[in-house]
PDB file of N, CA and C in Angstrom:
ATOM      1  N   ALA A   1       3.023  16.945   9.038  1.00  0.00           N
ATOM      2  CA  ALA A   1       3.239  15.210   7.566  1.00  0.00           C
ATOM      3  C   ALA A   1       3.120  17.229   5.948  1.00  0.00           C
ATOM      4  N   TYR A   2       4.037  17.122   4.892  1.00  0.00           N
ATOM      5  CA  TYR A   2       3.769  17.509   3.950  1.00  0.00           C
ATOM      6  C   TYR A   2       2.736  16.060   2.323  1.00  0.00           C
ATOM      7  N   TYR A   3       2.791  16.964   1.676  1.00  0.00           N
ATOM      8  CA  TYR A   3       2.205  16.261   0.485  1.00  0.00           C
ATOM      9  C   TYR A   3       3.058  17.561  -0.306  1.00  0.00           C
ATOM     10  N   ALA A   4       3.040  16.405  -2.038  1.00  0.00           N
ATOM     11  CA  ALA A   4       3.113  17.332  -2.554  1.00  0.00           C
ATOM     12  C   ALA A   4       4.120  16.115  -3.670  1.00  0.00           C
ATOM     13  N   ALA A   5       2.717  16.280  -5.668  1.00  0.00           N
ATOM     14  CA  ALA A   5       2.961  16.088  -6.696  1.00  0.00           C
ATOM     15  C   ALA A   5       2.986  14.043  -5.945  1.00  0.00           C
ATOM     16  N   SER A   6       1.385  13.917  -4.880  1.00  0.00           N
ATOM     17  CA  SER A   6       1.090  12.324  -4.886  1.00  0.00           C
ATOM     18  C   SER A   6       2.294  11.651  -3.879  1.00  0.00           C
ATOM     19  N   GLN A   7       3.110  12.400  -3.494  1.00  0.00           N
ATOM     20  CA  GLN A   7       4.011  12.397  -2.472  1.00  0.00           C
ATOM     21  C   GLN A   7       3.474  12.677  -1.258  1.00  0.00           C
ATOM     22  N   ASN A   8       3.443  11.535  -0.430  1.00  0.00           N
ATOM     23  CA  ASN A   8       2.980  12.231   1.125  1.00  0.00           C
ATOM     24  C   ASN A   8       4.343  12.081   1.715  1.00  0.00           C
ATOM     25  N   HIS A   9       4.845  13.735   2.995  1.00  0.00           N
ATOM     26  CA  HIS A   9       6.142  13.262   3.881  1.00  0.00           C
ATOM     27  C   HIS A   9       5.174  12.849   5.057  1.00  0.00           C
ATOM     28  N   VAL A  10       6.389  12.312   6.065  1.00  0.00           N
ATOM     29  CA  VAL A  10       6.221  12.506   7.693  1.00  0.00           C
ATOM     30  C   VAL A  10       7.353  12.784   7.985  1.00  0.00           C
ATOM     31  N   TYR A  11       7.023  13.332   9.235  1.00  0.00           N
ATOM     32  CA  TYR A  11       8.763  14.360   9.877  1.00  0.00           C
ATOM     33  C   TYR A  11       8.169  13.440  11.647  1.00  0.00           C
ATOM     34  N   ALA A  12       8.399  12.701  12.300  1.00  0.00           N
ATOM     35  CA  ALA A  12       8.357  12.834  13.419  1.00  0.00           C
ATOM     36  C   ALA A  12       9.760  12.494  14.512  1.00  0.00           C
ATOM     37  N   ARG A  13       9.858  12.171  16.111  1.00  0.00           N
ATOM     38  CA  ARG A  13      10.353  12.008  16.414  1.00  0.00           C
ATOM     39  C   ARG A  13      10.549  10.845  16.991  1.00  0.00           C
ATOM     40  N   GLY A  14      11.187  10.002  16.809  1.00  0.00           N
ATOM     41  CA  GLY A  14      10.779   8.120  16.695  1.00  0.00           C
ATOM     42  C   GLY A  14      11.192   8.255  19.077  1.00  0.00           C
ATOM     43  N   THR A  15      11.126   6.677  18.770  1.00  0.00           N
ATOM     44  CA  THR A  15      11.023   6.637  20.360  1.00  0.00           C
ATOM     45  C   THR A  15      12.843   6.554  21.066  1.00  0.00           C
ATOM     46  N   THR A  16      13.921   6.706  20.920  1.00  0.00           N
ATOM     47  CA  THR A  16      15.219   7.148  20.969  1.00  0.00           C
ATOM     48  C   THR A  16      15.741   8.529  20.381  1.00  0.00           C
ATOM     49  N   ALA A  17      15.146   9.992  20.456  1.00  0.00           N
ATOM     50  CA  ALA A  17      14.838  10.664  20.771  1.00  0.00           C
ATOM     51  C   ALA A  17      15.449  10.946  19.487  1.00  0.00           C
ATOM     52  N   THR A  18      16.162  10.398  17.963  1.00  0.00           N
ATOM     53  CA  THR A  18      16.178  10.528  16.689  1.00  0.00           C
ATOM     54  C   THR A  18      15.101  11.736  15.835  1.00  0.00           C
ATOM     55  N   LEU A  19      15.305  11.746  14.871  1.00  0.00           N
ATOM     56  CA  LEU A  19      14.888  12.194  13.421  1.00  0.00           C
ATOM     57  C   LEU A  19      13.761  11.137  12.620  1.00  0.00           C
ATOM     58  N   TRP A  20      12.835  10.785  12.484  1.00  0.00           N
ATOM     59  CA  TRP A  20      12.044   9.752  12.051  1.00  0.00           C
ATOM     60  C   TRP A  20      11.253  10.486  10.233  1.00  0.00           C
ATOM     61  N   HIS A  21      12.204   9.765   9.034  1.00  0.00           N
ATOM     62  CA  HIS A  21      11.275  10.654   7.793  1.00  0.00           C
ATOM     63  C   HIS A  21      10.788   9.356   6.366  1.00  0.00           C
ATOM     64  N   TRP A  22       9.511   9.463   7.335  1.00  0.00           N
ATOM     65  CA  TRP A  22       8.512   8.763   6.450  1.00  0.00           C
ATOM     66  C   TRP A  22       8.206   9.345   5.198  1.00  0.00           C
ATOM     67  N   TRP A  23       7.776   8.331   3.768  1.00  0.00           N
ATOM     68  CA  TRP A  23       7.005   8.576   3.060  1.00  0.00           C
ATOM     69  C   TRP A  23       6.444   7.938   2.378  1.00  0.00           C
ATOM     70  N   TYR A  24       5.458   8.476   1.020  1.00  0.00           N
ATOM     71  CA  TYR A  24       4.829   7.676  -0.045  1.00  0.00           C
ATOM     72  C   TYR A  24       4.963   7.791  -1.433  1.00  0.00           C
ATOM     73  N   THR A  25       5.934   6.330  -2.248  1.00  0.00           N
ATOM     74  CA  THR A  25       5.156   7.097  -3.139  1.00  0.00           C
ATOM     75  C   THR A  25       4.758   5.057  -3.681  1.00  0.00           C
ATOM     76  N   ASP A  26       4.001   4.881  -3.928  1.00  0.00           N
ATOM     77  CA  ASP A  26       3.384   3.842  -4.389  1.00  0.00           C
ATOM     78  C   ASP A  26       3.448   2.817  -3.170  1.00  0.00           C
ATOM     79  N   THR A  27       3.907   2.707  -2.006  1.00  0.00           N
ATOM     80  CA  THR A  27       4.119   2.269  -1.106  1.00  0.00           C
ATOM     81  C   THR A  27       5.157   3.191   0.239  1.00  0.00           C
ATOM     82  N   TRP A  28       4.507   2.533   1.752  1.00  0.00           N
ATOM     83  CA  TRP A  28       5.635   3.433   2.352  1.00  0.00           C
ATOM     84  C   TRP A  28       7.105   2.458   2.752  1.00  0.00           C
ATOM     85  N   ASN A  29       7.965   4.224   2.724  1.00  0.00           N
ATOM     86  CA  ASN A  29       9.459   3.958   3.238  1.00  0.00           C
ATOM     87  C   ASN A  29       9.643   4.892   4.083  1.00  0.00           C
ATOM     88  N   SER A  30      10.839   4.540   5.324  1.00  0.00           N
ATOM     89  CA  SER A  30      11.269   5.095   5.480  1.00  0.00           C
ATOM     90  C   SER A  30      12.520   5.574   5.976  1.00  0.00           C
ATOM     91  N   ALA A  31      13.273   7.259   6.905  1.00  0.00           N
ATOM     92  CA  ALA A  31      15.169   6.566   7.007  1.00  0.00           C
ATOM     93  C   ALA A  31      14.292   7.382   8.620  1.00  0.00           C
ATOM     94  N   ASN A  32      15.806   6.702   8.952  1.00  0.00           N
ATOM     95  CA  ASN A  32      16.010   7.290   9.793  1.00  0.00           C
ATOM     96  C   ASN A  32      17.310   8.409  10.010  1.00  0.00           C
ATOM     97  N   LEU A  33      17.084  10.169  10.300  1.00  0.00           N
ATOM     98  CA  LEU A  33      17.578  10.436   9.094  1.00  0.00           C
ATOM     99  C   LEU A  33      19.345  11.103  10.809  1.00  0.00           C
ATOM    100  N   GLY A  34      18.315  10.434  12.308  1.00  0.00           N
ATOM    101  CA  GLY A  34      19.337  10.491  12.815  1.00  0.00           C
ATOM    102  C   GLY A  34      19.007  12.158  13.509  1.00  0.00           C
ATOM    103  N   GLY A  35      20.733  12.006  13.635  1.00  0.00           N
ATOM    104  CA  GLY A  35      20.460  13.672  15.422  1.00  0.00           C
ATOM    105  C   GLY A  35      19.910  13.328  16.583  1.00  0.00           C
ATOM    106  N   THR A  36      19.673  14.610  17.515  1.00  0.00           N
ATOM    107  CA  THR A  36      18.808  13.938  18.797  1.00  0.00           C
ATOM    108  C   THR A  36      18.190  16.001  19.075  1.00  0.00           C
ATOM    109  N   LEU A  37      16.580  14.488  19.106  1.00  0.00           N
ATOM    110  CA  LEU A  37      15.327  16.170  19.037  1.00  0.00           C
ATOM    111  C   LEU A  37      14.994  16.349  20.211  1.00  0.00           C
TER     112      LEU A  37
END
């Protein structure tokens, strides 16, 4: 997890072994960054 300027960023491995990025800026957002972990 990474925190900067009132934003919270989380990177994690998804169930399909892809890289996911979640971030919070008044609401949670997410993006599948792809690849294989």
